[in-house]
């Protein structure tokens, strides 16, 4: 069972990808910025358990 403070990465990644995909279709010139933001976001979420000192799941 997840506590209130945990983030389910399996839900966040597809949601962010869907939102960014729609934005890329609407504003093609924003592709570089959206890809950069996505990669930074996924990197931070992936490294967060190591910074916080406890695992994200479990």
Protein backbone atom coordinates (compact mmCIF):
# COMPACT_ATOMS: atom_id res chain seq x y z
CA UNK A 1 0.00 0.00 0.00
CA UNK A 2 1.32 3.44 -0.89
CA UNK A 3 1.47 6.16 1.69
CA UNK A 4 0.27 9.68 0.92
CA UNK A 5 3.79 10.97 0.20
CA UNK A 6 4.83 8.34 -2.35
CA UNK A 7 4.72 8.86 -6.09
CA UNK A 8 3.83 6.04 -8.45
CA UNK A 9 6.28 6.47 -11.34
CA UNK A 10 4.31 3.97 -13.42
CA UNK A 11 1.43 6.46 -13.47
CA UNK A 12 3.43 9.66 -13.85
CA UNK A 13 5.56 8.71 -16.88
CA UNK A 14 2.67 7.86 -19.25
CA UNK A 15 0.71 10.90 -18.06
CA UNK A 16 3.62 13.27 -18.71
CA UNK A 17 4.29 11.62 -22.08
CA UNK A 18 0.64 12.03 -23.09
CA UNK A 19 0.54 15.70 -22.08
CA UNK A 20 3.81 16.46 -23.86
CA UNK A 21 2.68 14.55 -26.96
CA UNK A 22 -0.46 16.66 -27.18
CA UNK A 23 1.57 19.85 -26.67
CA UNK A 24 4.02 18.81 -29.41
CA UNK A 25 1.11 18.31 -31.81
CA UNK A 26 -0.33 21.70 -30.87
CA UNK A 27 2.99 23.61 -30.77
CA UNK A 28 5.63 21.81 -32.88
CA UNK A 29 8.25 24.52 -32.23
CA UNK A 30 8.19 23.60 -28.53
CA UNK A 31 9.58 20.10 -29.23
CA UNK A 32 13.13 20.82 -28.00
CA UNK A 33 11.92 22.41 -24.76
CA UNK A 34 9.37 19.70 -24.04
CA UNK A 35 11.86 16.90 -24.61
CA UNK A 36 14.41 18.63 -22.37
CA UNK A 37 11.83 19.18 -19.62
CA UNK A 38 10.68 15.55 -19.88
CA UNK A 39 14.21 14.18 -19.61
CA UNK A 40 15.03 16.42 -16.63
CA UNK A 41 11.76 15.44 -14.92
CA UNK A 42 12.29 11.71 -15.43
CA UNK A 43 15.90 12.03 -14.25
CA UNK A 44 14.88 13.83 -11.05
CA UNK A 45 12.06 11.37 -10.32
CA UNK A 46 14.42 8.45 -10.94
CA UNK A 47 17.14 9.81 -8.69
CA UNK A 48 14.85 11.17 -5.96
CA UNK A 49 14.91 7.98 -3.83
CA UNK A 50 18.71 8.18 -3.67
CA UNK A 51 18.61 11.82 -2.61
CA UNK A 52 15.86 11.27 -0.07
CA UNK A 53 17.66 8.26 1.43
CA UNK A 54 14.79 5.79 1.15
CA UNK A 55 13.30 3.67 -1.64
CA UNK A 56 10.33 4.94 -3.61
CA UNK A 57 8.52 1.62 -3.37
CA UNK A 58 8.27 -0.75 -0.47
